[in-house]
Amino acid sequence: MLPFRSEIRNSPSRATIKIFLSDESLDERIKKHLEHFNDIEEIEIRESVEQSESKENLTIFLNSDVDINKMKQSIDSSLWWYFEEDMVDE
């Protein structure tokens, strides 16, 4: 199983990026890890209302002038690096 899955979600107010973690106990740690991005306005841990494997997700709100596709790629790269480092440390 992959350690995470990310999706761009369009909503009436604004697009967001949702991160679904395989291990929800890491929500707070991953949230802190992502807070270093200057283009992220806010990150919330939310209950998933969608039908998914995860009960929770990280919802990422971006600053208004940010390219959401490029930001998703940056977040994905950062998370892959995070999980690779974490596995090496074990």
C-alpha atoms as a PDB file:
ATOM      1  CA  MET A   1       0.000   0.000   0.000  1.00  0.00           C
ATOM      2  CA  LEU A   2       1.268   3.465  -0.843  1.00  0.00           C
ATOM      3  CA  PRO A   3       1.973   5.786   2.101  1.00  0.00           C
ATOM      4  CA  PHE A   4      -0.239   8.551   0.674  1.00  0.00           C
ATOM      5  CA  ARG A   5      -2.487   9.630  -2.148  1.00  0.00           C
ATOM      6  CA  SER A   6      -3.077  13.212  -3.241  1.00  0.00           C
ATOM      7  CA  GLU A   7      -5.850  14.747  -5.303  1.00  0.00           C
ATOM      8  CA  ILE A   8      -6.805  18.162  -6.580  1.00  0.00           C
ATOM      9  CA  ARG A   9     -10.380  18.950  -5.632  1.00  0.00           C
ATOM     10  CA  ASN A  10     -12.404  21.732  -7.176  1.00  0.00           C
ATOM     11  CA  SER A  11     -14.989  23.381  -5.001  1.00  0.00           C
ATOM     12  CA  PRO A  12     -17.251  26.392  -5.509  1.00  0.00           C
ATOM     13  CA  SER A  13     -15.039  28.585  -3.334  1.00  0.00           C
ATOM     14  CA  ARG A  14     -11.581  27.434  -4.472  1.00  0.00           C
ATOM     15  CA  ALA A  15      -9.529  24.433  -5.471  1.00  0.00           C
ATOM     16  CA  THR A  16      -7.732  22.464  -2.773  1.00  0.00           C
ATOM     17  CA  ILE A  17      -5.271  19.612  -2.565  1.00  0.00           C
ATOM     18  CA  LYS A  18      -6.289  16.677  -0.400  1.00  0.00           C
ATOM     19  CA  ILE A  19      -3.757  14.254   1.032  1.00  0.00           C
ATOM     20  CA  PHE A  20      -4.989  10.852   2.180  1.00  0.00           C
ATOM     21  CA  LEU A  21      -2.461   9.037   4.373  1.00  0.00           C
ATOM     22  CA  SER A  22      -2.316   5.268   4.808  1.00  0.00           C
ATOM     23  CA  ASP A  23      -1.334   5.819   8.428  1.00  0.00           C
ATOM     24  CA  GLU A  24      -3.611   8.506   9.875  1.00  0.00           C
ATOM     25  CA  SER A  25      -1.511   8.693  13.038  1.00  0.00           C
ATOM     26  CA  LEU A  26       0.943  10.703  10.902  1.00  0.00           C
ATOM     27  CA  ASP A  27      -1.548  13.495  10.120  1.00  0.00           C
ATOM     28  CA  GLU A  28      -0.013  16.009  12.542  1.00  0.00           C
ATOM     29  CA  ARG A  29       3.581  15.173  11.546  1.00  0.00           C
ATOM     30  CA  ILE A  30       2.831  15.513   7.841  1.00  0.00           C
ATOM     31  CA  LYS A  31       0.935  18.737   8.463  1.00  0.00           C
ATOM     32  CA  LYS A  32       4.023  20.172  10.194  1.00  0.00           C
ATOM     33  CA  HIS A  33       6.240  18.899   7.389  1.00  0.00           C
ATOM     34  CA  LEU A  34       4.141  20.710   4.761  1.00  0.00           C
ATOM     35  CA  GLU A  35       3.956  23.998   6.664  1.00  0.00           C
ATOM     36  CA  HIS A  36       7.379  24.986   5.278  1.00  0.00           C
ATOM     37  CA  PHE A  37       5.816  25.718   1.861  1.00  0.00           C
ATOM     38  CA  ASN A  38       5.373  29.482   1.476  1.00  0.00           C
ATOM     39  CA  ASP A  39       2.555  29.052  -1.045  1.00  0.00           C
ATOM     40  CA  ILE A  40       0.314  27.188   1.383  1.00  0.00           C
ATOM     41  CA  GLU A  41      -2.174  29.438   3.123  1.00  0.00           C
ATOM     42  CA  GLU A  42      -3.623  26.845   5.495  1.00  0.00           C
ATOM     43  CA  ILE A  43      -3.704  23.095   6.191  1.00  0.00           C
ATOM     44  CA  GLU A  44      -6.625  21.466   7.971  1.00  0.00           C
ATOM     45  CA  ILE A  45      -7.094  17.916   9.188  1.00  0.00           C
ATOM     46  CA  ARG A  46     -10.634  16.995   8.207  1.00  0.00           C
ATOM     47  CA  GLU A  47     -12.882  13.982   8.422  1.00  0.00           C
ATOM     48  CA  SER A  48     -13.356  12.400   5.030  1.00  0.00           C
ATOM     49  CA  VAL A  49     -16.922  12.436   3.833  1.00  0.00           C
ATOM     50  CA  GLU A  50     -15.980  10.791   0.567  1.00  0.00           C
ATOM     51  CA  GLN A  51     -15.997   7.062   0.200  1.00  0.00           C
ATOM     52  CA  SER A  52     -12.320   6.315   0.624  1.00  0.00           C
ATOM     53  CA  GLU A  53     -10.058   4.110   2.671  1.00  0.00           C
ATOM     54  CA  SER A  54      -9.140   7.050   4.880  1.00  0.00           C
ATOM     55  CA  LYS A  55     -11.290   8.448   7.643  1.00  0.00           C
ATOM     56  CA  GLU A  56      -9.297  11.690   7.628  1.00  0.00           C
ATOM     57  CA  ASN A  57      -7.457  13.816   5.140  1.00  0.00           C
ATOM     58  CA  LEU A  58      -5.234  16.851   5.057  1.00  0.00           C
ATOM     59  CA  THR A  59      -6.911  19.638   3.108  1.00  0.00           C
ATOM     60  CA  ILE A  60      -4.453  22.167   1.750  1.00  0.00           C
ATOM     61  CA  PHE A  61      -5.529  25.679   0.838  1.00  0.00           C
ATOM     62  CA  LEU A  62      -3.130  27.593  -1.394  1.00  0.00           C
ATOM     63  CA  ASN A  63      -2.485  31.285  -1.811  1.00  0.00           C
ATOM     64  CA  SER A  64      -4.646  32.655  -4.626  1.00  0.00           C
ATOM     65  CA  ASP A  65      -1.888  33.225  -7.211  1.00  0.00           C
ATOM     66  CA  VAL A  66      -0.369  29.720  -7.033  1.00  0.00           C
ATOM     67  CA  ASP A  67      -0.443  27.159  -9.871  1.00  0.00           C
ATOM     68  CA  ILE A  68      -2.217  24.242  -8.169  1.00  0.00           C
ATOM     69  CA  ASN A  69      -0.763  21.614 -10.530  1.00  0.00           C
ATOM     70  CA  LYS A  70       2.831  22.687  -9.877  1.00  0.00           C
ATOM     71  CA  MET A  71       2.145  22.888  -6.161  1.00  0.00           C
ATOM     72  CA  LYS A  72       0.682  19.370  -6.116  1.00  0.00           C
ATOM     73  CA  GLN A  73       3.839  18.100  -7.833  1.00  0.00           C
ATOM     74  CA  SER A  74       6.013  19.867  -5.249  1.00  0.00           C
ATOM     75  CA  ILE A  75       3.982  18.482  -2.357  1.00  0.00           C
ATOM     76  CA  ASP A  76       4.048  14.969  -3.811  1.00  0.00           C
ATOM     77  CA  SER A  77       7.826  15.142  -4.275  1.00  0.00           C
ATOM     78  CA  SER A  78       8.301  16.405  -0.748  1.00  0.00           C
ATOM     79  CA  LEU A  79       6.122  13.630   0.686  1.00  0.00           C
ATOM     80  CA  TRP A  80       7.920  10.921  -1.293  1.00  0.00           C
ATOM     81  CA  TRP A  81      11.207  12.258   0.057  1.00  0.00           C
ATOM     82  CA  TYR A  82       9.740  12.330   3.585  1.00  0.00           C
ATOM     83  CA  PHE A  83       8.571   8.724   3.448  1.00  0.00           C
ATOM     84  CA  GLU A  84      11.799   7.473   1.880  1.00  0.00           C
ATOM     85  CA  GLU A  85      13.831   9.156   4.633  1.00  0.00           C
ATOM     86  CA  ASP A  86      11.477   7.811   7.284  1.00  0.00           C
ATOM     87  CA  MET A  87      11.866   4.251   5.982  1.00  0.00           C
ATOM     88  CA  VAL A  88      15.661   4.566   5.921  1.00  0.00           C
ATOM     89  CA  ASP A  89      15.633   5.685   9.564  1.00  0.00           C
ATOM     90  CA  GLU A  90      13.809   2.553  10.729  1.00  0.00           C
END
